[in-house]
């Protein structure tokens, strides 16, 4: 997902301001080195869990800290959508100075299926979700669900955000249909010290895939500008 749509342009524009930008894919996201955009490795995708993603991000934080030791002023996490939730779960990492979320999920537990759909998942041990872009049936083993509840305290975003004593910026689109803006309001409620900014924008701030223009949508450009200002003001 790190190379989806306009994200490379986003990274470039932030880097142009002198902020080193590291993008990465989670280890079990279903992509490969040869094909990072789509999902050729559905077996890996099926085995992914929230715990795995939190651990992956921890590894990246440690790597960046080692590479930039005595050089980097601060490490800030930027996460979009589900990645925003993972960034928040690592925001209490002592190596992290602050966190920025774009269209972030506020509660992973609420996103699981319920009722008959959940019961069928438990019965079959696997469920499939259609990917509208690639037309693939994306497999989720039941371990995706059970891992969350086995590690619920650690994977509950509210637990971290409520006790966060670091700079936090929340950016969300009011026209987001994938993760409704109410989730941004929840994050702000849990941490009144956080800064909340909203735009009339979609889940991807009016960008899409593929993105072939060198110009970004106004709302995505605003998200970049507010992110840059937040980082620079937080390290002054």
Protein backbone atom coordinates (compact mmCIF):
# COMPACT_ATOMS: atom_id res chain seq x y z
CA UNK A 1 0.00 0.00 0.00
CA UNK A 2 2.97 2.31 0.44
CA UNK A 3 3.15 2.78 -3.36
CA UNK A 4 -0.62 3.08 -3.89
CA UNK A 5 -1.96 6.09 -5.77
CA UNK A 6 -0.34 9.36 -4.75
CA UNK A 7 1.57 8.17 -1.66
CA UNK A 8 4.96 8.42 -3.39
CA UNK A 9 4.23 12.05 -4.20
CA UNK A 10 3.18 12.60 -0.59
CA UNK A 11 6.49 11.21 0.64
CA UNK A 12 8.42 13.31 -1.87
CA UNK A 13 6.73 16.56 -0.84
CA UNK A 14 7.36 15.94 2.85
CA UNK A 15 10.99 14.99 2.16
CA UNK A 16 11.45 18.24 0.21
CA UNK A 17 10.97 20.07 3.51
CA UNK A 18 13.99 18.32 4.99
CA UNK A 19 12.01 15.64 6.82
CA UNK A 20 13.36 12.15 6.11
CA UNK A 21 10.44 9.92 5.13
CA UNK A 22 10.42 6.12 5.46
CA UNK A 23 7.57 4.15 3.84
CA UNK A 24 7.09 0.44 4.37
CA UNK A 25 4.69 -2.43 3.73
CA UNK A 26 3.66 -4.80 6.51
CA UNK A 27 5.30 -8.20 6.22
CA UNK A 28 2.07 -10.13 5.62
CA UNK A 29 0.17 -7.61 3.51
CA UNK A 30 0.03 -9.96 0.51
CA UNK A 31 2.41 -8.01 -1.70
CA UNK A 32 5.84 -9.08 -2.89
CA UNK A 33 9.03 -7.26 -3.86
CA UNK A 34 8.17 -7.83 -7.53
CA UNK A 35 4.55 -6.81 -7.13
CA UNK A 36 4.03 -4.57 -4.08
CA UNK A 37 0.80 -2.96 -5.31
CA UNK A 38 -1.42 -6.01 -5.76
CA UNK A 39 -1.81 -9.22 -3.75
CA UNK A 40 0.05 -12.13 -5.38
CA UNK A 41 0.73 -13.76 -1.98
CA UNK A 42 -2.73 -14.46 -0.63
CA UNK A 43 -1.35 -17.13 1.69
CA UNK A 44 0.68 -14.50 3.55
CA UNK A 45 -2.31 -12.14 3.52
CA UNK A 46 -4.50 -14.78 5.14
CA UNK A 47 -2.09 -15.14 8.07
CA UNK A 48 -1.85 -11.46 8.93
CA UNK A 49 -2.89 -10.16 12.37
CA UNK A 50 -2.96 -6.81 14.13
CA UNK A 51 -0.28 -8.09 16.51
CA UNK A 52 1.97 -8.85 13.54
CA UNK A 53 1.52 -5.31 12.21
CA UNK A 54 2.31 -3.75 15.59
CA UNK A 55 5.46 -5.88 15.78
CA UNK A 56 6.41 -4.96 12.19
CA UNK A 57 6.15 -1.26 13.01
CA UNK A 58 8.25 -1.77 16.13
CA UNK A 59 10.95 -3.35 13.95
CA UNK A 60 10.86 -0.39 11.56
CA UNK A 61 11.11 2.10 14.43
CA UNK A 62 14.14 0.26 15.79
CA UNK A 63 15.73 0.12 12.34
CA UNK A 64 15.25 3.85 11.72
CA UNK A 65 16.60 4.66 15.18
CA UNK A 66 19.71 2.59 14.51
CA UNK A 67 20.26 4.08 11.05
CA UNK A 68 19.82 7.68 12.19
CA UNK A 69 21.29 7.43 15.66
CA UNK A 70 22.75 10.79 16.71
CA UNK A 71 21.35 12.31 13.49
CA UNK A 72 17.57 12.31 13.72
CA UNK A 73 15.94 14.96 15.89
CA UNK A 74 12.79 12.94 16.41
CA UNK A 75 10.75 10.05 15.02
CA UNK A 76 7.13 10.75 14.09
CA UNK A 77 4.67 8.11 12.95
CA UNK A 78 2.25 8.84 10.11
CA UNK A 79 -0.46 6.28 9.46
CA UNK A 80 -3.44 6.20 7.10
CA UNK A 81 -6.65 4.25 7.75
CA UNK A 82 -5.83 0.91 9.40
CA UNK A 83 -2.19 2.00 9.40
CA UNK A 84 -3.24 4.96 11.52
CA UNK A 85 -4.57 2.59 14.15
CA UNK A 86 -1.31 0.64 14.14
CA UNK A 87 0.67 3.89 14.40
CA UNK A 88 -1.40 4.87 17.43
CA UNK A 89 -0.72 1.51 19.07
CA UNK A 90 3.02 2.20 18.75
CA UNK A 91 2.80 5.89 19.67
CA UNK A 92 3.72 5.10 23.29
CA UNK A 93 7.02 3.63 22.08
CA UNK A 94 9.79 5.58 23.91
CA UNK A 95 11.58 6.15 20.59
CA UNK A 96 8.56 7.94 19.11
CA UNK A 97 8.13 11.69 19.56
CA UNK A 98 4.67 12.15 18.07
CA UNK A 99 1.97 10.65 15.87
CA UNK A 100 -0.09 11.84 12.90
CA UNK A 101 -3.09 9.90 11.62
CA UNK A 102 -4.89 10.35 8.33
CA UNK A 103 -8.44 8.90 8.15
CA UNK A 104 -7.55 6.56 10.99
CA UNK A 105 -9.52 3.71 12.49
CA UNK A 106 -10.25 4.27 16.19
CA UNK A 107 -11.39 0.79 17.21
CA UNK A 108 -10.30 -2.45 15.54
CA UNK A 109 -12.75 -4.56 17.53
CA UNK A 110 -15.77 -2.78 16.06
CA UNK A 111 -14.67 -3.62 12.53
CA UNK A 112 -15.10 -7.38 12.82
CA UNK A 113 -18.26 -8.99 11.39
CA UNK A 114 -21.04 -9.85 13.79
CA UNK A 115 -23.92 -12.28 14.06
CA UNK A 116 -24.34 -14.91 11.33
CA UNK A 117 -21.27 -13.72 9.42
CA UNK A 118 -19.05 -14.08 12.49
CA UNK A 119 -20.52 -17.47 13.34
CA UNK A 120 -19.85 -18.68 9.80
CA UNK A 121 -16.26 -17.47 10.05
CA UNK A 122 -15.80 -19.39 13.29
CA UNK A 123 -17.32 -22.49 11.72
CA UNK A 124 -15.25 -22.38 8.52
CA UNK A 125 -12.01 -21.04 10.03
CA UNK A 126 -11.64 -18.69 7.06
CA UNK A 127 -13.67 -15.94 5.38
CA UNK A 128 -13.28 -14.15 2.07
CA UNK A 129 -13.76 -10.46 1.32
CA UNK A 130 -13.99 -9.18 -2.25
CA UNK A 131 -11.38 -6.67 -3.39
CA UNK A 132 -13.21 -4.33 -5.76
CA UNK A 133 -10.00 -3.14 -7.42
CA UNK A 134 -8.18 -6.43 -8.06
CA UNK A 135 -11.35 -8.60 -8.17
CA UNK A 136 -9.68 -11.06 -5.80
CA UNK A 137 -11.33 -12.86 -2.91
CA UNK A 138 -9.14 -11.85 0.03
CA UNK A 139 -8.82 -14.64 2.64
CA UNK A 140 -8.80 -14.02 6.38
CA UNK A 141 -8.05 -16.93 8.68
CA UNK A 142 -9.94 -16.94 11.97
CA UNK A 143 -6.62 -16.14 13.69
CA UNK A 144 -7.11 -12.55 12.49
CA UNK A 145 -10.10 -12.40 14.84
CA UNK A 146 -8.82 -14.57 17.70
CA UNK A 147 -5.48 -12.74 17.84
CA UNK A 148 -7.26 -9.48 18.55
CA UNK A 149 -9.24 -10.85 21.47
CA UNK A 150 -6.27 -12.76 22.86
CA UNK A 151 -4.37 -9.45 22.91
CA UNK A 152 -7.30 -7.06 23.32
CA UNK A 153 -5.78 -4.82 25.97
CA UNK A 154 -2.63 -4.27 23.90
CA UNK A 155 -4.59 -3.79 20.66
CA UNK A 156 -7.26 -1.41 21.96
CA UNK A 157 -6.42 2.00 20.54
CA UNK A 158 -8.35 3.86 23.26
CA UNK A 159 -6.02 2.46 25.94
CA UNK A 160 -3.01 4.11 24.30
CA UNK A 161 -4.59 7.38 23.16
CA UNK A 162 -6.19 8.09 26.54
CA UNK A 163 -2.76 8.00 28.20
CA UNK A 164 -0.73 9.57 25.39
CA UNK A 165 1.53 12.43 26.49
CA UNK A 166 3.01 13.23 23.09
CA UNK A 167 1.99 15.50 20.22
CA UNK A 168 -0.92 13.97 18.28
CA UNK A 169 -2.47 15.25 15.05
CA UNK A 170 -5.72 13.80 13.71
CA UNK A 171 -6.67 14.52 10.07
CA UNK A 172 -9.90 13.16 8.59
CA UNK A 173 -12.27 13.72 5.69
CA UNK A 174 -15.90 14.47 6.47
CA UNK A 175 -16.93 12.56 3.33
CA UNK A 176 -14.98 9.44 4.26
CA UNK A 177 -17.18 6.41 3.66
CA UNK A 178 -14.59 3.78 4.57
CA UNK A 179 -13.76 5.13 8.03
CA UNK A 180 -16.40 7.65 9.08
CA UNK A 181 -15.30 10.96 10.61
CA UNK A 182 -16.88 9.97 13.94
CA UNK A 183 -13.79 7.85 14.54
CA UNK A 184 -11.67 11.01 14.43
CA UNK A 185 -13.97 12.62 16.97
CA UNK A 186 -13.52 9.59 19.23
CA UNK A 187 -9.73 9.95 19.07
CA UNK A 188 -10.06 13.62 19.98
CA UNK A 189 -12.43 12.77 22.83
CA UNK A 190 -9.94 10.27 24.22
CA UNK A 191 -7.10 12.79 24.03
CA UNK A 192 -8.42 16.38 24.29
CA UNK A 193 -4.85 17.67 23.86
CA UNK A 194 -4.69 16.25 20.32
CA UNK A 195 -5.14 18.55 17.34
CA UNK A 196 -8.04 17.65 15.02
CA UNK A 197 -8.38 18.91 11.43
CA UNK A 198 -11.13 17.91 9.01
CA UNK A 199 -11.65 18.56 5.30
CA UNK A 200 -14.49 17.89 2.89
CA UNK A 201 -12.65 14.88 1.54
CA UNK A 202 -12.87 11.16 0.83
CA UNK A 203 -10.98 8.38 2.60
CA UNK A 204 -7.89 9.09 0.49
CA UNK A 205 -8.33 12.87 0.58
CA UNK A 206 -9.77 12.90 -2.94
CA UNK A 207 -6.87 10.99 -4.48
CA UNK A 208 -7.32 7.66 -6.28
CA UNK A 209 -5.40 4.75 -7.81
CA UNK A 210 -3.65 4.97 -10.15
CA UNK A 211 -2.60 8.61 -9.67
CA UNK A 212 -0.82 9.85 -12.80
CA UNK A 213 -0.84 13.62 -12.22
CA UNK A 214 2.08 15.49 -10.66
CA UNK A 215 -0.47 17.70 -8.91
CA UNK A 216 -2.24 16.53 -5.79
CA UNK A 217 -5.87 17.12 -4.81
CA UNK A 218 -6.24 20.25 -2.72
CA UNK A 219 -7.30 18.32 0.38
CA UNK A 220 -4.35 15.93 0.18
CA UNK A 221 -1.99 18.86 -0.27
CA UNK A 222 -3.52 20.47 2.81
CA UNK A 223 -2.99 17.25 4.78
CA UNK A 224 0.68 17.32 3.78
CA UNK A 225 1.07 20.98 4.76
CA UNK A 226 -0.60 20.52 8.12
CA UNK A 227 1.51 17.42 8.77
CA UNK A 228 4.74 19.27 7.98
CA UNK A 229 3.78 22.23 10.15
CA UNK A 230 2.84 19.90 13.01
CA UNK A 231 6.14 18.03 12.89
CA UNK A 232 8.30 21.13 12.62
CA UNK A 233 6.45 22.95 15.42
CA UNK A 234 6.65 19.88 17.64
CA UNK A 235 10.45 19.69 17.45
CA UNK A 236 11.16 23.41 17.88
